[in-house]
C-alpha atoms as a PDB file:
ATOM      1  CA  MET A   1    -148.558 -45.891 -32.846  1.00  0.00           C
ATOM      2  CA  PRO A   2    -148.479 -47.248 -36.473  1.00  0.00           C
ATOM      3  CA  VAL A   3    -146.122 -45.385 -38.809  1.00  0.00           C
ATOM      4  CA  SER A   4    -148.852 -44.253 -41.098  1.00  0.00           C
ATOM      5  CA  LEU A   5    -150.782 -42.675 -38.145  1.00  0.00           C
ATOM      6  CA  VAL A   6    -147.642 -40.921 -36.951  1.00  0.00           C
ATOM      7  CA  ARG A   7    -147.168 -39.465 -40.454  1.00  0.00           C
ATOM      8  CA  GLN A   8    -150.710 -38.242 -40.502  1.00  0.00           C
ATOM      9  CA  VAL A   9    -150.448 -36.635 -37.094  1.00  0.00           C
ATOM     10  CA  VAL A  10    -147.055 -34.992 -38.068  1.00  0.00           C
ATOM     11  CA  THR A  11    -148.417 -33.836 -41.390  1.00  0.00           C
ATOM     12  CA  PHE A  12    -151.635 -32.508 -39.731  1.00  0.00           C
ATOM     13  CA  ARG A  13    -149.532 -30.650 -37.159  1.00  0.00           C
ATOM     14  CA  THR A  14    -147.220 -29.162 -39.893  1.00  0.00           C
ATOM     15  CA  VAL A  15    -150.267 -28.076 -41.904  1.00  0.00           C
ATOM     16  CA  ASN A  16    -151.830 -26.516 -38.815  1.00  0.00           C
ATOM     17  CA  GLU A  17    -148.686 -24.674 -38.005  1.00  0.00           C
ATOM     18  CA  TRP A  18    -148.314 -23.417 -41.569  1.00  0.00           C
ATOM     19  CA  PHE A  19    -151.887 -22.082 -41.585  1.00  0.00           C
ATOM     20  CA  ALA A  20    -151.478 -20.624 -38.081  1.00  0.00           C
ATOM     21  CA  THR A  21    -148.361 -18.661 -39.400  1.00  0.00           C
ATOM     22  CA  LEU A  22    -150.347 -17.704 -42.496  1.00  0.00           C
ATOM     23  CA  GLY A  23    -153.153 -16.363 -40.290  1.00  0.00           C
ATOM     24  CA  ARG A  24    -150.572 -14.216 -38.408  1.00  0.00           C
ATOM     25  CA  ARG A  25    -149.287 -12.909 -41.709  1.00  0.00           C
ATOM     26  CA  TRP A  26    -152.812 -11.809 -42.768  1.00  0.00           C
ATOM     27  CA  ALA A  27    -153.301 -10.055 -39.461  1.00  0.00           C
ATOM     28  CA  ALA A  28    -149.915  -8.286 -39.787  1.00  0.00           C
ATOM     29  CA  ALA A  29    -150.607  -7.291 -43.357  1.00  0.00           C
ATOM     30  CA  ALA A  30    -153.980  -5.846 -42.351  1.00  0.00           C
ATOM     31  CA  GLU A  31    -152.314  -3.918 -39.503  1.00  0.00           C
ATOM     32  CA  ARG A  32    -149.842  -2.352 -41.946  1.00  0.00           C
ATOM     33  CA  ARG A  33    -152.901  -1.052 -43.759  1.00  0.00           C
ATOM     34  CA  GLY A  34    -154.373   0.442 -40.613  1.00  0.00           C
ATOM     35  CA  ALA A  35    -156.814  -2.300 -39.758  1.00  0.00           C
ATOM     36  CA  LYS A  36    -156.738  -4.729 -36.812  1.00  0.00           C
ATOM     37  CA  ILE A  37    -158.064  -8.124 -37.526  1.00  0.00           C
ATOM     38  CA  LEU A  38    -157.911 -11.459 -35.715  1.00  0.00           C
ATOM     39  CA  PRO A  39    -155.610 -13.994 -37.468  1.00  0.00           C
ATOM     40  CA  PRO A  40    -157.908 -16.186 -39.588  1.00  0.00           C
ATOM     41  CA  ALA A  41    -158.105 -19.730 -38.211  1.00  0.00           C
ATOM     42  CA  LEU A  42    -158.775 -22.816 -40.253  1.00  0.00           C
ATOM     43  CA  GLU A  43    -160.815 -25.477 -38.413  1.00  0.00           C
ATOM     44  CA  ALA A  44    -159.953 -29.075 -39.423  1.00  0.00           C
ATOM     45  CA  ASP A  45    -163.528 -29.904 -40.454  1.00  0.00           C
ATOM     46  CA  VAL A  46    -163.842 -26.773 -42.559  1.00  0.00           C
ATOM     47  CA  ALA A  47    -160.330 -27.508 -44.137  1.00  0.00           C
ATOM     48  CA  GLY A  48    -161.511 -30.990 -45.026  1.00  0.00           C
ATOM     49  CA  GLU A  49    -164.709 -29.718 -46.732  1.00  0.00           C
ATOM     50  CA  LEU A  50    -162.809 -27.031 -48.613  1.00  0.00           C
ATOM     51  CA  LEU A  51    -160.391 -29.642 -49.905  1.00  0.00           C
ATOM     52  CA  GLU A  52    -163.376 -31.696 -51.136  1.00  0.00           C
ATOM     53  CA  LEU A  53    -164.871 -28.556 -52.776  1.00  0.00           C
ATOM     54  CA  ALA A  54    -161.521 -27.923 -54.530  1.00  0.00           C
ATOM     55  CA  ARG A  55    -161.395 -31.576 -55.656  1.00  0.00           C
ATOM     56  CA  VAL A  56    -164.848 -31.334 -57.160  1.00  0.00           C
ATOM     57  CA  ALA A  57    -164.023 -27.994 -58.891  1.00  0.00           C
ATOM     58  CA  ALA A  58    -160.825 -29.429 -60.301  1.00  0.00           C
ATOM     59  CA  HIS A  59    -162.385 -32.628 -61.581  1.00  0.00           C
ATOM     60  CA  THR A  60    -165.730 -31.264 -62.894  1.00  0.00           C
ATOM     61  CA  LYS A  61    -164.431 -27.995 -64.447  1.00  0.00           C
ATOM     62  CA  GLU A  62    -160.812 -26.967 -64.497  1.00  0.00           C
ATOM     63  CA  ARG A  63    -157.978 -27.543 -62.080  1.00  0.00           C
ATOM     64  CA  ARG A  64    -157.260 -23.872 -61.882  1.00  0.00           C
ATOM     65  CA  PHE A  65    -160.810 -23.309 -60.552  1.00  0.00           C
ATOM     66  CA  ALA A  66    -160.041 -25.153 -57.333  1.00  0.00           C
ATOM     67  CA  PRO A  67    -158.384 -22.391 -55.340  1.00  0.00           C
ATOM     68  CA  LEU A  68    -160.960 -19.854 -56.574  1.00  0.00           C
ATOM     69  CA  ALA A  69    -163.835 -22.111 -55.460  1.00  0.00           C
ATOM     70  CA  SER A  70    -162.302 -22.405 -52.049  1.00  0.00           C
ATOM     71  CA  PHE A  71    -161.842 -18.611 -51.905  1.00  0.00           C
ATOM     72  CA  THR A  72    -165.497 -17.942 -52.791  1.00  0.00           C
ATOM     73  CA  ALA A  73    -166.530 -20.521 -50.178  1.00  0.00           C
ATOM     74  CA  GLY A  74    -164.569 -18.604 -47.542  1.00  0.00           C
ATOM     75  CA  LEU A  75    -166.263 -15.339 -48.599  1.00  0.00           C
ATOM     76  CA  ALA A  76    -169.655 -16.938 -48.499  1.00  0.00           C
ATOM     77  CA  VAL A  77    -169.116 -18.441 -45.051  1.00  0.00           C
ATOM     78  CA  GLU A  78    -167.924 -15.136 -43.728  1.00  0.00           C
ATOM     79  CA  ARG A  79    -171.007 -13.415 -45.207  1.00  0.00           C
ATOM     80  CA  LEU A  80    -173.256 -16.038 -43.628  1.00  0.00           C
ATOM     81  CA  ARG A  81    -171.513 -15.529 -40.347  1.00  0.00           C
ATOM     82  CA  THR A  82    -172.088 -11.825 -40.565  1.00  0.00           C
ATOM     83  CA  ALA A  83    -175.751 -12.515 -41.114  1.00  0.00           C
ATOM     84  CA  LYS A  84    -175.843 -15.223 -38.468  1.00  0.00           C
ATOM     85  CA  PRO A  85    -173.241 -14.457 -35.855  1.00  0.00           C
ATOM     86  CA  ASP A  86    -174.056 -17.640 -33.899  1.00  0.00           C
ATOM     87  CA  LEU A  87    -172.994 -19.796 -36.903  1.00  0.00           C
ATOM     88  CA  SER A  88    -171.138 -22.905 -35.636  1.00  0.00           C
ATOM     89  CA  VAL A  89    -168.273 -24.651 -37.252  1.00  0.00           C
ATOM     90  CA  ASP A  90    -170.626 -27.549 -38.021  1.00  0.00           C
ATOM     91  CA  ASP A  91    -173.024 -25.110 -39.711  1.00  0.00           C
ATOM     92  CA  ALA A  92    -170.252 -23.735 -41.860  1.00  0.00           C
ATOM     93  CA  VAL A  93    -169.141 -27.252 -42.815  1.00  0.00           C
ATOM     94  CA  ALA A  94    -172.767 -28.101 -43.773  1.00  0.00           C
ATOM     95  CA  PHE A  95    -173.069 -24.903 -45.812  1.00  0.00           C
ATOM     96  CA  ILE A  96    -169.924 -25.688 -47.781  1.00  0.00           C
ATOM     97  CA  ARG A  97    -170.948 -29.389 -48.209  1.00  0.00           C
ATOM     98  CA  GLU A  98    -174.434 -28.466 -49.532  1.00  0.00           C
ATOM     99  CA  VAL A  99    -172.945 -26.467 -52.369  1.00  0.00           C
ATOM    100  CA  ARG A 100    -170.201 -29.000 -53.095  1.00  0.00           C
ATOM    101  CA  GLU A 101    -172.765 -31.848 -53.287  1.00  0.00           C
ATOM    102  CA  GLN A 102    -174.878 -29.712 -55.764  1.00  0.00           C
ATOM    103  CA  LEU A 103    -171.792 -29.353 -57.952  1.00  0.00           C
ATOM    104  CA  GLU A 104    -171.103 -33.073 -57.746  1.00  0.00           C
ATOM    105  CA  ARG A 105    -174.715 -33.972 -58.673  1.00  0.00           C
ATOM    106  CA  GLU A 106    -174.572 -31.594 -61.691  1.00  0.00           C
ATOM    107  CA  SER A 107    -171.288 -32.882 -63.045  1.00  0.00           C
ATOM    108  CA  PRO A 108    -171.466 -35.352 -65.974  1.00  0.00           C
ATOM    109  CA  PRO A 109    -170.581 -38.957 -65.114  1.00  0.00           C
ATOM    110  CA  SER A 110    -166.914 -39.718 -65.969  1.00  0.00           C
END
């Protein structure tokens, strides 16, 4: 396996572990508040689209908008999932991509 591919696999695994741990922290924090939730999971395709959305927000408006854009995307996906319980990961990715592409089209050329 080429060194660059090994680095990508190791980095992806580390990122996955970090987000899995973060998900367990969210679940534990909710439980301390008297609510039982499943640890949030971050699918790779959704993560990639969220990173693209953050990139667009940072480059078309302000850098500090990037995490807030990702947060609102997460809220919107969960609201869509509530309205459409059979929402697939691919549907969630397409939903985020649609809004990101609208933002990209509206941004002035650099």
